[in-house]
Amino acid sequence: HLATSLPLPSERDHLRPRIDLIVFMIDIKSKYSLKNVETSLAHVDASFFLGKVCFLVTGVGRVNACSIDTSAVCKLGETYCSPVLFCELELEGVRAATAQRLVRILQISAGHIQGVSALSFVSLMRKSDDD
């Protein structure tokens, strides 16, 4: 399910399936995109930042067209203890690899991978970022 911003409308809460993962998409070419994500973050329950939030940054193949400094997005990932994935959706191979990574993160956050919790996954990601 896609939403352009948060909070989600409450009138259909009873029909909405459980939310296992929130992927915030940021178009690196649009400052509005980052502002929208920053505004939406205030509406996310703190427990989601324990392995159920991910930032997906698109348009990274065009460095000269960037309106957002990548360090600002990395800081979001650090602040909210959430992974940041950078990709160029126009390249088929990168798009497919990114989709596979997102599906794997979703499987973990939904509890479908035995022996790996969302919290332990984020901990492993933090460890590899520090190296």
C-alpha atoms as a PDB file:
ATOM      1  CA  HIS A   1       0.000   0.000   0.000  1.00  0.00           C
ATOM      2  CA  LEU A   2       1.255   3.451  -0.821  1.00  0.00           C
ATOM      3  CA  ALA A   3       0.661   6.740   0.929  1.00  0.00           C
ATOM      4  CA  THR A   4       2.022  10.125  -0.048  1.00  0.00           C
ATOM      5  CA  SER A   5       2.353  11.263   3.569  1.00  0.00           C
ATOM      6  CA  LEU A   6       1.471  10.415   7.150  1.00  0.00           C
ATOM      7  CA  PRO A   7      -0.717  10.209   9.182  1.00  0.00           C
ATOM      8  CA  LEU A   8      -2.898   7.751   7.329  1.00  0.00           C
ATOM      9  CA  PRO A   9      -6.596   8.616   7.239  1.00  0.00           C
ATOM     10  CA  SER A  10      -8.335   7.054  10.227  1.00  0.00           C
ATOM     11  CA  GLU A  11     -11.695   6.323   8.570  1.00  0.00           C
ATOM     12  CA  ARG A  12     -10.465   2.991   7.140  1.00  0.00           C
ATOM     13  CA  ASP A  13      -8.388   1.840  10.123  1.00  0.00           C
ATOM     14  CA  HIS A  14     -10.575  -1.237  10.655  1.00  0.00           C
ATOM     15  CA  LEU A  15      -9.876  -2.419   7.064  1.00  0.00           C
ATOM     16  CA  ARG A  16      -6.148  -1.703   7.042  1.00  0.00           C
ATOM     17  CA  PRO A  17      -3.853  -4.723   7.314  1.00  0.00           C
ATOM     18  CA  ARG A  18      -1.087  -4.813   9.909  1.00  0.00           C
ATOM     19  CA  ILE A  19       1.858  -2.599   8.956  1.00  0.00           C
ATOM     20  CA  ASP A  20       5.088  -4.614   9.016  1.00  0.00           C
ATOM     21  CA  LEU A  21       7.433  -2.131   7.356  1.00  0.00           C
ATOM     22  CA  ILE A  22       7.376   1.543   6.454  1.00  0.00           C
ATOM     23  CA  VAL A  23       9.610   2.552   3.555  1.00  0.00           C
ATOM     24  CA  PHE A  24      10.128   6.280   3.266  1.00  0.00           C
ATOM     25  CA  MET A  25      11.046   7.119  -0.307  1.00  0.00           C
ATOM     26  CA  ILE A  26      13.208  10.170  -0.837  1.00  0.00           C
ATOM     27  CA  ASP A  27      13.881  11.543  -4.302  1.00  0.00           C
ATOM     28  CA  ILE A  28      17.346  13.043  -4.022  1.00  0.00           C
ATOM     29  CA  LYS A  29      16.416  15.559  -6.716  1.00  0.00           C
ATOM     30  CA  SER A  30      13.578  17.075  -4.648  1.00  0.00           C
ATOM     31  CA  LYS A  31      13.980  18.993  -1.379  1.00  0.00           C
ATOM     32  CA  TYR A  32      10.199  18.697  -0.954  1.00  0.00           C
ATOM     33  CA  SER A  33      10.609  14.913  -0.833  1.00  0.00           C
ATOM     34  CA  LEU A  34      12.916  15.118   2.192  1.00  0.00           C
ATOM     35  CA  LYS A  35      10.702  17.711   3.930  1.00  0.00           C
ATOM     36  CA  ASN A  36       7.653  15.475   3.425  1.00  0.00           C
ATOM     37  CA  VAL A  37       9.473  12.505   4.975  1.00  0.00           C
ATOM     38  CA  GLU A  38      10.698  14.589   7.914  1.00  0.00           C
ATOM     39  CA  THR A  39       7.140  15.815   8.557  1.00  0.00           C
ATOM     40  CA  SER A  40       5.735  12.280   8.288  1.00  0.00           C
ATOM     41  CA  LEU A  41       8.263  10.837  10.750  1.00  0.00           C
ATOM     42  CA  ALA A  42       6.486  12.596  13.615  1.00  0.00           C
ATOM     43  CA  HIS A  43       3.447  10.382  12.995  1.00  0.00           C
ATOM     44  CA  VAL A  44       5.298   7.068  13.319  1.00  0.00           C
ATOM     45  CA  ASP A  45       5.129   5.182  16.608  1.00  0.00           C
ATOM     46  CA  ALA A  46       8.554   4.942  18.256  1.00  0.00           C
ATOM     47  CA  SER A  47       8.390   1.114  18.269  1.00  0.00           C
ATOM     48  CA  PHE A  48       8.568   1.081  14.457  1.00  0.00           C
ATOM     49  CA  PHE A  49      12.090   2.447  14.587  1.00  0.00           C
ATOM     50  CA  LEU A  50      13.197  -0.886  16.005  1.00  0.00           C
ATOM     51  CA  GLY A  51      13.562  -2.561  12.628  1.00  0.00           C
ATOM     52  CA  LYS A  52      10.361  -1.621  10.825  1.00  0.00           C
ATOM     53  CA  VAL A  53      11.399   1.611   9.074  1.00  0.00           C
ATOM     54  CA  CYS A  54      13.668   1.977   6.065  1.00  0.00           C
ATOM     55  CA  PHE A  55      14.687   4.985   3.964  1.00  0.00           C
ATOM     56  CA  LEU A  56      14.922   4.430   0.195  1.00  0.00           C
ATOM     57  CA  VAL A  57      16.784   7.187  -1.637  1.00  0.00           C
ATOM     58  CA  THR A  58      16.172   7.311  -5.383  1.00  0.00           C
ATOM     59  CA  GLY A  59      17.886   9.228  -8.164  1.00  0.00           C
ATOM     60  CA  VAL A  60      21.401   8.788  -6.839  1.00  0.00           C
ATOM     61  CA  GLY A  61      22.825   8.113 -10.298  1.00  0.00           C
ATOM     62  CA  ARG A  62      22.553  11.773 -11.183  1.00  0.00           C
ATOM     63  CA  VAL A  63      24.830  13.492  -8.702  1.00  0.00           C
ATOM     64  CA  ASN A  64      24.749  16.786 -10.616  1.00  0.00           C
ATOM     65  CA  ALA A  65      20.921  16.985 -10.303  1.00  0.00           C
ATOM     66  CA  CYS A  66      20.826  16.417  -6.525  1.00  0.00           C
ATOM     67  CA  SER A  67      18.906  18.895  -4.394  1.00  0.00           C
ATOM     68  CA  ILE A  68      19.543  16.999  -1.163  1.00  0.00           C
ATOM     69  CA  ASP A  69      22.924  16.308   0.398  1.00  0.00           C
ATOM     70  CA  THR A  70      23.301  12.562   0.964  1.00  0.00           C
ATOM     71  CA  SER A  71      24.704  13.262   4.434  1.00  0.00           C
ATOM     72  CA  ALA A  72      21.289  14.707   5.429  1.00  0.00           C
ATOM     73  CA  VAL A  73      19.645  11.406   4.520  1.00  0.00           C
ATOM     74  CA  CYS A  74      22.349   9.379   6.272  1.00  0.00           C
ATOM     75  CA  LYS A  75      21.746  11.513   9.366  1.00  0.00           C
ATOM     76  CA  LEU A  76      18.043  10.530   9.221  1.00  0.00           C
ATOM     77  CA  GLY A  77      19.087   6.876   9.199  1.00  0.00           C
ATOM     78  CA  GLU A  78      21.365   7.427  12.190  1.00  0.00           C
ATOM     79  CA  THR A  79      18.808   9.486  14.110  1.00  0.00           C
ATOM     80  CA  TYR A  80      16.054   6.901  13.651  1.00  0.00           C
ATOM     81  CA  CYS A  81      18.327   3.811  13.790  1.00  0.00           C
ATOM     82  CA  SER A  82      16.986   2.718  10.417  1.00  0.00           C
ATOM     83  CA  PRO A  83      18.695   1.454   7.268  1.00  0.00           C
ATOM     84  CA  VAL A  84      19.175   3.746   4.281  1.00  0.00           C
ATOM     85  CA  LEU A  85      19.204   2.220   0.800  1.00  0.00           C
ATOM     86  CA  PHE A  86      20.482   4.241  -2.149  1.00  0.00           C
ATOM     87  CA  CYS A  87      19.391   3.281  -5.645  1.00  0.00           C
ATOM     88  CA  GLU A  88      18.822   4.422  -9.195  1.00  0.00           C
ATOM     89  CA  LEU A  89      15.402   3.140 -10.247  1.00  0.00           C
ATOM     90  CA  GLU A  90      16.077   3.805 -13.918  1.00  0.00           C
ATOM     91  CA  LEU A  91      18.619   0.963 -14.059  1.00  0.00           C
ATOM     92  CA  GLU A  92      16.854  -2.391 -14.289  1.00  0.00           C
ATOM     93  CA  GLY A  93      19.520  -4.400 -12.458  1.00  0.00           C
ATOM     94  CA  VAL A  94      19.723  -1.928  -9.587  1.00  0.00           C
ATOM     95  CA  ARG A  95      15.928  -1.731  -9.414  1.00  0.00           C
ATOM     96  CA  ALA A  96      15.658  -5.538  -9.175  1.00  0.00           C
ATOM     97  CA  ALA A  97      18.402  -5.784  -6.543  1.00  0.00           C
ATOM     98  CA  THR A  98      16.784  -3.014  -4.497  1.00  0.00           C
ATOM     99  CA  ALA A  99      13.403  -4.745  -4.696  1.00  0.00           C
ATOM    100  CA  GLN A 100      14.995  -7.971  -3.442  1.00  0.00           C
ATOM    101  CA  ARG A 101      16.632  -6.135  -0.526  1.00  0.00           C
ATOM    102  CA  LEU A 102      13.321  -4.507   0.390  1.00  0.00           C
ATOM    103  CA  VAL A 103      11.485  -7.830   0.262  1.00  0.00           C
ATOM    104  CA  ARG A 104      14.127  -9.372   2.523  1.00  0.00           C
ATOM    105  CA  ILE A 105      13.843  -6.481   4.997  1.00  0.00           C
ATOM    106  CA  LEU A 106      10.050  -6.891   4.902  1.00  0.00           C
ATOM    107  CA  GLN A 107      10.301 -10.635   5.540  1.00  0.00           C
ATOM    108  CA  ILE A 108      12.496  -9.974   8.560  1.00  0.00           C
ATOM    109  CA  SER A 109      10.351  -7.164   9.963  1.00  0.00           C
ATOM    110  CA  ALA A 110       7.191  -9.258   9.490  1.00  0.00           C
ATOM    111  CA  GLY A 111       8.781 -12.143  11.426  1.00  0.00           C
ATOM    112  CA  HIS A 112       8.929 -14.611   8.524  1.00  0.00           C
ATOM    113  CA  ILE A 113      12.647 -15.406   8.888  1.00  0.00           C
ATOM    114  CA  GLN A 114      13.268 -17.736  11.804  1.00  0.00           C
ATOM    115  CA  GLY A 115      16.048 -16.747  14.151  1.00  0.00           C
ATOM    116  CA  VAL A 116      16.252 -13.148  12.927  1.00  0.00           C
ATOM    117  CA  SER A 117      14.215 -10.390  14.538  1.00  0.00           C
ATOM    118  CA  ALA A 118      13.795  -6.901  13.147  1.00  0.00           C
ATOM    119  CA  LEU A 119      15.731  -5.546  16.117  1.00  0.00           C
ATOM    120  CA  SER A 120      18.661  -7.949  15.639  1.00  0.00           C
ATOM    121  CA  PHE A 121      18.678  -7.158  11.915  1.00  0.00           C
ATOM    122  CA  VAL A 122      18.996  -3.420  12.591  1.00  0.00           C
ATOM    123  CA  SER A 123      21.727  -4.181  15.108  1.00  0.00           C
ATOM    124  CA  LEU A 124      23.634  -6.148  12.455  1.00  0.00           C
ATOM    125  CA  MET A 125      23.180  -3.319   9.948  1.00  0.00           C
ATOM    126  CA  ARG A 126      24.515  -0.779  12.468  1.00  0.00           C
ATOM    127  CA  LYS A 127      27.515  -3.009  13.151  1.00  0.00           C
ATOM    128  CA  SER A 128      28.398  -3.275   9.452  1.00  0.00           C
ATOM    129  CA  ASP A 129      27.986   0.501   8.974  1.00  0.00           C
ATOM    130  CA  ASP A 130      30.497   1.149  11.772  1.00  0.00           C
ATOM    131  CA  ASP A 131      33.207  -1.066  10.210  1.00  0.00           C
END
